[in-house]
């Protein structure tokens, strides 16, 4: 049995208010509407994310149950009797966002911690999470979340990972695929350590049984072979910089990059960048900057202390080469820009919870790095809305504002196409038709912060 490096395991495996008008107002902005009542957003500007960056002003959007049932000009869409009306005047409504490389704590974690993590996603407008490391017993939580029994994003979960410790032969890889398909996981997660024979057995069986697989590119497999075998997502831009720096360890060769972008597009690959986290893991963000993140108050202080200790050791390591680390980060930015320019599909993801990557809040740091890589605000928002809906089109209809779509919505106070910071100026979030005003969100956030403040005292 092969053993993965401890540093790799530590880095990559998870241990861890709209104004309301009549006829049915919320009494203080914090209460939730009756789950059986329709909800109407009236006189709102919508960003439908239907393939164009156009805004539609003066719209009404009606939600019944978990679905959008009407969208159109305010003077043409009737508000149902008894509906809760959210006044959208001066506000912007867009589809809820997604975390496409997220993690959900294992069922053995304290229940309040699990629920806090799920809430932190929703509090930041993340209404869909693709969990990328499954645990035994976690499918029950997926069903609970997706029924709306707790405040949580819609969950799509990968099973326990395929890696050098969990797989020791091609036949074991095939059997593990069959078991995860039978159990009902949404996809397979690939970690480093698989031999090419084991990887091929996994991929061939997954393709035969119709289950998608994605994640890392094992060193023995390589990027080009993973593309050829049908790996669907390449998380953390994994395999790209490694492949390109084999060509030239000092820089990214333009011809090699153009070739691999073409191959990726033709293979139908998706990229989940997680750029901001990799700046942490490579030590190009200072400890002072990371410790100043206000959102750390929403995570257990013991875990934050562990992150601080790990980063301090990383920066002090005698083997650390700051210039080489920066070259890798610069190469990643160049690769992401080229993938975007070359028409390769990109999905929003941050690998939260992870080192200094607090669920939900980490998204806003990722957006800035994506913008620095040359992506426009519309393109960036698309990676967390329409593109995610396209990726999960076999599971449900969501990711745009249109009739029949799952009612995952984010209401903000400014135009996010002008400034992505507007995504943090929330009036409220709707997840599967359940509306949470910003007042309700802030109440729960304050309670989580108080809970962890007491733990750290």
Protein backbone atom coordinates (compact mmCIF):
# COMPACT_ATOMS: atom_id res chain seq x y z
CA UNK A 1 0.00 0.00 0.00
CA UNK A 2 1.45 3.38 -1.04
CA UNK A 3 1.41 6.26 1.45
CA UNK A 4 0.73 9.82 0.39
CA UNK A 5 3.02 12.59 1.71
CA UNK A 6 1.67 14.04 4.94
CA UNK A 7 1.96 17.59 3.59
CA UNK A 8 -0.23 16.68 0.64
CA UNK A 9 -2.82 15.06 2.86
CA UNK A 10 -2.85 18.11 5.12
CA UNK A 11 -3.22 20.45 2.18
CA UNK A 12 -5.75 18.57 0.12
CA UNK A 13 -7.89 16.35 2.32
CA UNK A 14 -10.53 17.99 4.46
CA UNK A 15 -10.29 17.65 8.19
CA UNK A 16 -12.61 20.08 8.68
CA UNK A 17 -32.58 42.25 3.83
CA UNK A 18 -34.92 43.18 1.12
CA UNK A 19 -37.51 45.74 2.12
CA UNK A 20 -40.81 43.91 2.34
CA UNK A 21 -44.16 45.35 1.36
CA UNK A 22 -47.75 44.22 1.66
CA UNK A 23 -49.68 42.03 1.32
CA UNK A 24 -47.64 39.71 3.56
CA UNK A 25 -44.72 41.59 5.12
CA UNK A 26 -42.12 40.07 7.42
CA UNK A 27 -42.64 41.55 10.86
CA UNK A 28 -39.03 42.64 11.55
CA UNK A 29 -37.06 41.64 8.48
CA UNK A 30 -35.68 38.60 10.26
CA UNK A 31 -38.64 36.22 10.32
CA UNK A 32 -39.04 33.65 7.57
CA UNK A 33 -42.16 33.67 5.37
CA UNK A 34 -44.47 30.68 5.60
CA UNK A 35 -42.95 27.96 3.44
CA UNK A 36 -46.31 27.38 1.72
CA UNK A 37 -46.79 31.02 0.65
CA UNK A 38 -45.66 32.29 -2.77
CA UNK A 39 -42.95 34.96 -2.77
CA UNK A 40 -42.77 37.78 -5.32
CA UNK A 41 -39.79 40.04 -5.99
CA UNK A 42 -41.33 43.15 -7.52
CA UNK A 43 -39.89 46.08 -9.47
CA UNK A 44 -36.43 44.50 -9.39
CA UNK A 45 -33.61 44.60 -11.92
CA UNK A 46 -32.68 41.04 -12.84
CA UNK A 47 -29.48 39.60 -14.21
CA UNK A 48 -30.93 36.45 -15.77
CA UNK A 49 -27.54 34.89 -16.71
CA UNK A 50 -29.05 33.55 -19.91
CA UNK A 51 -25.92 33.92 -21.99
CA UNK A 52 -25.88 37.69 -22.31
CA UNK A 53 -24.84 40.37 -19.84
CA UNK A 54 -28.07 42.32 -20.26
CA UNK A 55 -29.99 43.63 -17.29
CA UNK A 56 -33.79 43.67 -17.23
CA UNK A 57 -35.27 46.49 -15.19
CA UNK A 58 -38.70 46.74 -13.58
CA UNK A 59 -39.28 42.98 -13.36
CA UNK A 60 -41.40 40.75 -11.13
CA UNK A 61 -40.22 37.25 -10.26
CA UNK A 62 -42.73 34.89 -8.60
CA UNK A 63 -41.66 31.79 -6.68
CA UNK A 64 -43.94 28.99 -5.55
CA UNK A 65 -42.45 26.09 -3.64
CA UNK A 66 -38.96 25.42 -4.97
CA UNK A 67 -39.54 26.83 -8.46
CA UNK A 68 -39.67 30.13 -10.29
CA UNK A 69 -43.15 30.22 -11.82
CA UNK A 70 -43.24 33.64 -13.48
CA UNK A 71 -40.75 36.24 -14.73
CA UNK A 72 -41.64 39.41 -16.59
CA UNK A 73 -42.33 43.15 -16.49
CA UNK A 74 -43.92 44.28 -13.24
CA UNK A 75 -47.02 45.55 -15.04
CA UNK A 76 -47.51 42.21 -16.80
CA UNK A 77 -46.92 39.65 -14.02
CA UNK A 78 -49.67 39.23 -11.43
CA UNK A 79 -48.61 38.80 -7.81
CA UNK A 80 -50.54 35.87 -6.29
CA UNK A 81 -52.95 36.52 -3.44
CA UNK A 82 -51.27 36.02 -0.07
CA UNK A 83 -47.77 36.24 -1.50
CA UNK A 84 -44.91 37.69 0.51
CA UNK A 85 -43.78 40.68 -1.55
CA UNK A 86 -40.13 41.70 -1.55
CA UNK A 87 -39.70 45.22 -2.88
CA UNK A 88 -36.79 45.12 -5.31
CA UNK A 89 -36.73 48.81 -6.16
CA UNK A 90 -33.12 49.81 -6.75
CA UNK A 91 -31.92 46.23 -6.20
CA UNK A 92 -30.48 43.49 -8.41
CA UNK A 93 -31.60 39.85 -8.51
CA UNK A 94 -29.33 37.14 -9.87
CA UNK A 95 -29.18 33.35 -9.57
CA UNK A 96 -27.61 31.90 -6.45
CA UNK A 97 -23.90 31.10 -6.69
CA UNK A 98 -22.08 27.79 -6.37
CA UNK A 99 -19.07 26.30 -4.62
CA UNK A 100 -17.92 23.62 -7.06
CA UNK A 101 -15.02 22.38 -4.96
CA UNK A 102 -16.40 22.48 -1.45
CA UNK A 103 -16.26 20.19 1.53
CA UNK A 104 -18.90 19.09 3.99
CA UNK A 105 -17.78 17.89 7.44
CA UNK A 106 -18.06 14.15 8.05
CA UNK A 107 -21.10 12.84 9.97
CA UNK A 108 -18.81 12.23 12.94
CA UNK A 109 -18.25 15.99 13.35
CA UNK A 110 -20.40 17.86 15.90
CA UNK A 111 -23.85 18.51 14.49
CA UNK A 112 -23.72 22.24 15.20
CA UNK A 113 -20.44 22.53 13.30
CA UNK A 114 -21.93 20.75 10.28
CA UNK A 115 -24.97 23.04 10.30
CA UNK A 116 -22.78 26.13 10.74
CA UNK A 117 -20.66 25.20 7.70
CA UNK A 118 -23.75 24.69 5.57
CA UNK A 119 -25.21 28.00 6.75
CA UNK A 120 -22.00 29.94 6.02
CA UNK A 121 -22.27 28.91 2.39
CA UNK A 122 -25.88 30.10 2.15
CA UNK A 123 -25.14 33.31 4.06
CA UNK A 124 -22.83 34.33 1.22
CA UNK A 125 -25.28 33.55 -1.56
CA UNK A 126 -23.94 30.06 -2.29
CA UNK A 127 -26.97 27.90 -2.96
CA UNK A 128 -25.26 24.88 -4.56
CA UNK A 129 -22.22 22.97 -3.29
CA UNK A 130 -20.41 20.14 -5.04
CA UNK A 131 -18.82 18.32 -2.11
CA UNK A 132 -15.49 16.88 -3.19
CA UNK A 133 -14.70 14.36 -0.48
CA UNK A 134 -17.41 12.00 0.68
CA UNK A 135 -17.65 10.21 3.98
CA UNK A 136 -19.54 7.07 4.99
CA UNK A 137 -23.04 8.05 6.08
CA UNK A 138 -22.93 11.46 4.41
CA UNK A 139 -25.62 10.70 1.84
CA UNK A 140 -28.23 10.96 4.59
CA UNK A 141 -27.13 14.56 5.19
CA UNK A 142 -27.41 15.26 1.46
CA UNK A 143 -31.02 14.12 1.47
CA UNK A 144 -31.77 16.10 4.61
CA UNK A 145 -30.28 19.26 3.14
CA UNK A 146 -31.94 18.85 -0.23
CA UNK A 147 -35.35 18.33 1.39
CA UNK A 148 -34.95 21.67 3.13
CA UNK A 149 -34.91 20.22 6.63
CA UNK A 150 -32.09 22.62 7.50
CA UNK A 151 -30.69 25.82 6.00
CA UNK A 152 -28.22 24.48 3.48
CA UNK A 153 -27.25 24.68 -0.16
CA UNK A 154 -28.38 21.93 -2.51
CA UNK A 155 -25.67 19.29 -2.18
CA UNK A 156 -24.11 17.12 -4.87
CA UNK A 157 -21.53 14.83 -3.33
CA UNK A 158 -18.50 12.90 -4.51
CA UNK A 159 -17.86 9.64 -2.74
CA UNK A 160 -14.79 8.73 -0.67
CA UNK A 161 -11.71 9.44 -2.73
CA UNK A 162 -9.74 7.19 -5.06
CA UNK A 163 -6.11 7.59 -3.97
CA UNK A 164 -2.92 5.73 -3.27
CA UNK A 165 -4.18 4.57 0.11
CA UNK A 166 -7.73 3.57 -0.80
CA UNK A 167 -6.89 1.71 -4.03
CA UNK A 168 -4.19 -0.96 -4.39
CA UNK A 169 -5.16 -2.72 -7.63
CA UNK A 170 -7.17 -2.19 -10.82
CA UNK A 171 -9.81 -4.65 -9.67
CA UNK A 172 -10.21 -2.80 -6.39
CA UNK A 173 -10.66 0.42 -8.36
CA UNK A 174 -13.41 -1.19 -10.48
CA UNK A 175 -15.16 -2.55 -7.40
CA UNK A 176 -15.00 0.83 -5.65
CA UNK A 177 -16.66 2.48 -8.65
CA UNK A 178 -19.43 -0.12 -8.67
CA UNK A 179 -20.01 0.33 -4.94
CA UNK A 180 -20.21 4.13 -5.15
CA UNK A 181 -22.63 3.96 -8.08
CA UNK A 182 -24.84 1.56 -6.13
CA UNK A 183 -24.72 3.80 -3.04
CA UNK A 184 -25.89 6.82 -5.04
CA UNK A 185 -22.99 9.29 -5.00
CA UNK A 186 -23.14 12.04 -7.61
CA UNK A 187 -19.55 11.64 -8.81
CA UNK A 188 -16.16 10.09 -8.08
CA UNK A 189 -13.27 12.03 -6.54
CA UNK A 190 -9.70 11.45 -7.75
CA UNK A 191 -6.71 12.16 -5.50
CA UNK A 192 -2.98 11.61 -6.14
CA UNK A 193 -1.39 8.20 -5.77
CA UNK A 194 -3.21 6.06 -8.32
CA UNK A 195 -1.14 4.11 -10.82
CA UNK A 196 -2.09 4.47 -14.46
CA UNK A 197 -3.55 0.94 -14.47
CA UNK A 198 -5.68 1.72 -11.41
CA UNK A 199 -6.79 5.05 -12.87
CA UNK A 200 -7.70 3.45 -16.19
CA UNK A 201 -9.72 0.74 -14.43
CA UNK A 202 -11.58 3.43 -12.51
CA UNK A 203 -12.18 5.58 -15.60
CA UNK A 204 -13.30 2.72 -17.83
CA UNK A 205 -15.75 1.43 -15.21
CA UNK A 206 -17.06 4.93 -14.50
CA UNK A 207 -17.64 5.54 -18.20
CA UNK A 208 -19.42 2.19 -18.55
CA UNK A 209 -21.71 2.91 -15.59
CA UNK A 210 -22.29 6.57 -16.44
CA UNK A 211 -20.86 8.28 -13.38
CA UNK A 212 -18.67 11.36 -13.75
CA UNK A 213 -15.25 11.69 -12.15
CA UNK A 214 -12.93 14.58 -11.44
CA UNK A 215 -10.45 16.17 -9.07
CA UNK A 216 -6.68 15.76 -9.24
CA UNK A 217 -4.38 14.28 -11.89
CA UNK A 218 -2.21 11.52 -10.39
CA UNK A 219 1.45 11.89 -11.34
CA UNK A 220 1.56 8.45 -12.99
CA UNK A 221 -1.43 9.41 -15.17
CA UNK A 222 -0.57 12.87 -16.46
CA UNK A 223 -2.80 15.59 -17.84
CA UNK A 224 -3.05 14.44 -21.44
CA UNK A 225 -3.97 10.88 -20.51
CA UNK A 226 -6.58 12.10 -17.99
CA UNK A 227 -8.15 14.23 -20.73
CA UNK A 228 -8.19 11.24 -23.09
CA UNK A 229 -9.82 9.00 -20.47
CA UNK A 230 -12.72 11.40 -19.94
CA UNK A 231 -11.88 13.04 -16.62
CA UNK A 232 -14.50 15.75 -16.40
CA UNK A 233 -13.20 18.37 -13.97
CA UNK A 234 -9.63 19.40 -13.30
CA UNK A 235 -9.78 20.97 -9.87
CA UNK A 236 -7.12 23.47 -8.75
CA UNK A 237 -6.03 23.60 -12.44
CA UNK A 238 -4.31 20.37 -11.43
CA UNK A 239 -1.89 18.89 -13.92
CA UNK A 240 -1.62 21.95 -16.14
CA UNK A 241 1.33 23.81 -14.63
CA UNK A 242 3.06 20.50 -13.92
CA UNK A 243 2.72 19.49 -17.59
CA UNK A 244 3.76 22.86 -18.95
CA UNK A 245 6.77 23.19 -16.66
CA UNK A 246 8.00 19.82 -17.86
CA UNK A 247 8.36 21.57 -21.20
CA UNK A 248 10.19 24.56 -19.65
CA UNK A 249 10.64 24.76 -15.87
CA UNK A 250 11.26 28.52 -15.94
CA UNK A 251 8.25 29.68 -17.95
CA UNK A 252 5.06 28.61 -19.68
CA UNK A 253 5.74 27.85 -23.33
CA UNK A 254 3.13 29.62 -25.46
CA UNK A 255 2.86 26.85 -28.07
CA UNK A 256 2.52 24.11 -25.44
CA UNK A 257 -0.12 26.14 -23.60
CA UNK A 258 -2.12 26.74 -26.78
CA UNK A 259 -2.00 23.01 -27.53
CA UNK A 260 -3.20 21.92 -24.11
CA UNK A 261 -5.98 24.54 -24.14
CA UNK A 262 -7.18 23.14 -27.47
CA UNK A 263 -7.05 19.58 -26.14
CA UNK A 264 -9.00 20.60 -23.02
CA UNK A 265 -11.71 22.32 -25.04
CA UNK A 266 -12.05 19.40 -27.44
CA UNK A 267 -12.24 16.94 -24.53
CA UNK A 268 -15.08 18.93 -22.93
CA UNK A 269 -13.10 19.46 -19.72
CA UNK A 270 -14.18 21.79 -16.95
CA UNK A 271 -11.73 23.75 -14.77
CA UNK A 272 -12.29 24.57 -11.07
CA UNK A 273 -9.45 27.02 -10.35
CA UNK A 274 -9.34 27.54 -6.52
CA UNK A 275 -6.75 30.23 -7.20
CA UNK A 276 -6.82 32.10 -3.87
CA UNK A 277 -6.22 28.95 -1.83
CA UNK A 278 -3.17 28.02 -3.88
CA UNK A 279 -1.66 31.41 -3.04
CA UNK A 280 -1.97 30.39 0.61
CA UNK A 281 -0.56 26.90 0.05
CA UNK A 282 2.41 28.29 -1.87
CA UNK A 283 3.03 30.93 0.78
CA UNK A 284 2.60 33.99 -1.44
CA UNK A 285 0.14 35.54 1.02
CA UNK A 286 1.57 36.82 4.29
CA UNK A 287 0.47 35.50 7.65
CA UNK A 288 -0.46 39.03 8.71
CA UNK A 289 -2.80 39.36 5.74
CA UNK A 290 -4.43 35.99 6.41
CA UNK A 291 -4.89 36.58 10.15
CA UNK A 292 -6.64 39.86 9.37
CA UNK A 293 -9.52 38.07 7.60
CA UNK A 294 -12.65 39.14 9.50
CA UNK A 295 -14.47 35.91 8.62
CA UNK A 296 -12.15 33.82 10.80
CA UNK A 297 -14.51 34.61 13.68
CA UNK A 298 -17.04 32.26 12.06
CA UNK A 299 -14.80 29.20 12.35
CA UNK A 300 -13.64 27.22 15.41
CA UNK A 301 -10.64 28.98 16.99
CA UNK A 302 -8.72 25.73 17.38
CA UNK A 303 -8.89 25.14 13.65
CA UNK A 304 -7.82 28.71 12.92
CA UNK A 305 -4.87 28.31 15.28
CA UNK A 306 -3.87 25.19 13.36
CA UNK A 307 -4.01 27.14 10.09
CA UNK A 308 -1.79 29.84 11.59
CA UNK A 309 0.73 27.29 12.82
CA UNK A 310 0.82 25.50 9.46
CA UNK A 311 1.36 28.73 7.54
CA UNK A 312 4.05 29.91 9.93
CA UNK A 313 5.91 26.61 9.43
CA UNK A 314 5.44 26.87 5.66
CA UNK A 315 7.02 30.31 5.52
CA UNK A 316 9.89 29.30 7.82
CA UNK A 317 10.76 26.04 6.03
CA UNK A 318 14.44 25.84 4.95
CA UNK A 319 13.24 24.23 1.71
CA UNK A 320 11.03 27.18 0.85
CA UNK A 321 11.89 28.94 -2.42
CA UNK A 322 9.79 32.10 -2.53
CA UNK A 323 10.79 32.95 -6.09
CA UNK A 324 9.87 29.48 -7.36
CA UNK A 325 6.54 29.62 -5.51
CA UNK A 326 5.73 32.94 -7.12
CA UNK A 327 6.60 31.52 -10.56
CA UNK A 328 4.04 28.75 -10.03
CA UNK A 329 1.35 31.25 -8.98
CA UNK A 330 2.14 33.46 -11.98
CA UNK A 331 1.98 30.42 -14.26
CA UNK A 332 -1.41 29.44 -12.82
CA UNK A 333 -2.74 32.92 -13.59
CA UNK A 334 -1.41 32.68 -17.15
CA UNK A 335 -2.96 29.23 -17.61
CA UNK A 336 -6.35 30.33 -16.29
CA UNK A 337 -6.38 33.32 -18.61
CA UNK A 338 -5.50 31.14 -21.59
CA UNK A 339 -8.15 28.55 -20.72
CA UNK A 340 -10.75 31.30 -20.52
CA UNK A 341 -9.60 32.84 -23.81
CA UNK A 342 -9.62 29.41 -25.43
CA UNK A 343 -13.24 28.65 -24.57
CA UNK A 344 -12.60 26.03 -21.87
CA UNK A 345 -15.46 26.01 -19.39
CA UNK A 346 -14.70 27.26 -15.88
CA UNK A 347 -16.58 26.55 -12.65
CA UNK A 348 -16.47 28.63 -9.48
CA UNK A 349 -14.73 26.96 -6.54
CA UNK A 350 -12.54 27.72 -3.53
CA UNK A 351 -11.90 24.39 -1.72
CA UNK A 352 -13.61 25.56 1.48
CA UNK A 353 -13.30 24.79 4.34
CA UNK A 354 -9.55 24.80 3.99
CA UNK A 355 -6.60 26.81 5.24
CA UNK A 356 -7.91 30.37 5.69
CA UNK A 357 -10.73 29.47 3.30
CA UNK A 358 -13.89 29.96 5.38
CA UNK A 359 -17.01 28.60 3.65
CA UNK A 360 -18.82 31.23 1.61
CA UNK A 361 -16.50 34.08 2.52
CA UNK A 362 -13.65 32.49 0.55
CA UNK A 363 -15.71 33.00 -2.60
CA UNK A 364 -15.25 36.76 -2.53
CA UNK A 365 -11.46 36.40 -2.37
CA UNK A 366 -11.54 33.95 -5.28
CA UNK A 367 -13.57 36.37 -7.41
CA UNK A 368 -10.86 39.01 -7.12
CA UNK A 369 -8.13 36.62 -8.27
CA UNK A 370 -10.25 35.50 -11.23
CA UNK A 371 -10.71 39.15 -12.18
CA UNK A 372 -6.95 39.68 -11.88
CA UNK A 373 -6.53 36.80 -14.34
CA UNK A 374 -8.48 38.80 -16.94
CA UNK A 375 -12.01 37.50 -16.53
CA UNK A 376 -14.89 40.01 -16.68
CA UNK A 377 -17.46 40.28 -13.87
CA UNK A 378 -20.09 38.65 -16.08
CA UNK A 379 -17.78 35.76 -16.97
CA UNK A 380 -16.92 35.25 -13.32
CA UNK A 381 -20.56 35.24 -12.18
CA UNK A 382 -21.36 32.85 -15.03
CA UNK A 383 -18.88 30.30 -13.59
CA UNK A 384 -21.06 30.09 -10.48
CA UNK A 385 -24.51 30.24 -12.10
CA UNK A 386 -25.25 29.27 -15.71
CA UNK A 387 -22.12 27.17 -16.12
CA UNK A 388 -22.99 25.22 -12.97
CA UNK A 389 -26.54 24.72 -14.23
CA UNK A 390 -25.11 23.41 -17.50
CA UNK A 391 -22.79 21.05 -15.62
CA UNK A 392 -25.65 19.69 -13.49
CA UNK A 393 -28.28 19.73 -16.27
CA UNK A 394 -28.67 15.98 -15.78
CA UNK A 395 -29.66 16.55 -12.14
CA UNK A 396 -31.95 19.63 -12.13
CA UNK A 397 -32.73 22.95 -13.82
CA UNK A 398 -31.10 25.96 -12.15
CA UNK A 399 -28.48 28.64 -12.70
CA UNK A 400 -30.59 31.19 -14.56
CA UNK A 401 -33.66 33.28 -13.76
CA UNK A 402 -36.42 31.76 -15.85
CA UNK A 403 -39.70 29.93 -15.37
CA UNK A 404 -39.23 26.37 -14.15
CA UNK A 405 -35.77 26.95 -12.71
CA UNK A 406 -35.00 26.01 -9.12
CA UNK A 407 -35.57 29.11 -7.00
CA UNK A 408 -32.00 29.81 -5.93
CA UNK A 409 -31.62 33.60 -5.90
CA UNK A 410 -29.41 36.35 -4.54
CA UNK A 411 -30.77 39.88 -4.03
CA UNK A 412 -28.10 42.60 -3.79
CA UNK A 413 -28.13 46.36 -3.42
CA UNK A 414 -25.82 47.30 -6.32
CA UNK A 415 -24.95 46.11 -9.81
CA UNK A 416 -22.39 43.26 -9.63
CA UNK A 417 -21.45 43.81 -13.27
CA UNK A 418 -19.99 47.16 -12.23
CA UNK A 419 -18.25 45.83 -9.13
CA UNK A 420 -18.15 42.23 -7.89
CA UNK A 421 -18.06 43.62 -4.36
CA UNK A 422 -21.80 44.17 -4.81
CA UNK A 423 -22.25 40.43 -4.20
CA UNK A 424 -21.47 41.16 -0.54
CA UNK A 425 -24.08 43.94 -0.34
CA UNK A 426 -26.96 41.52 0.16
CA UNK A 427 -30.61 42.14 0.82
CA UNK A 428 -31.21 38.42 1.15
CA UNK A 429 -30.74 34.92 -0.23
CA UNK A 430 -33.25 32.38 -1.49
CA UNK A 431 -32.33 28.69 -1.52
CA UNK A 432 -34.80 26.22 -3.06
CA UNK A 433 -37.60 28.75 -2.54
CA UNK A 434 -36.76 29.51 1.11
CA UNK A 435 -36.15 33.24 1.63
CA UNK A 436 -33.65 34.52 4.19
CA UNK A 437 -33.53 38.26 4.63
CA UNK A 438 -30.18 39.87 5.40
CA UNK A 439 -31.44 40.55 8.92
CA UNK A 440 -32.02 36.83 9.44
CA UNK A 441 -28.59 36.04 8.00
CA UNK A 442 -26.84 38.54 10.27
CA UNK A 443 -28.64 37.20 13.35
CA UNK A 444 -27.37 33.68 12.66
CA UNK A 445 -23.86 34.88 11.80
CA UNK A 446 -23.70 36.82 15.06
CA UNK A 447 -24.74 33.70 16.96
CA UNK A 448 -22.03 31.61 15.27
CA UNK A 449 -19.37 34.23 16.02
CA UNK A 450 -20.49 34.40 19.66
CA UNK A 451 -20.37 30.61 19.95
CA UNK A 452 -16.77 30.47 18.70
CA UNK A 453 -15.74 33.50 20.75
CA UNK A 454 -16.86 31.61 23.86
CA UNK A 455 -14.90 28.53 22.71
CA UNK A 456 -11.74 30.59 22.36
CA UNK A 457 -12.01 32.44 25.64
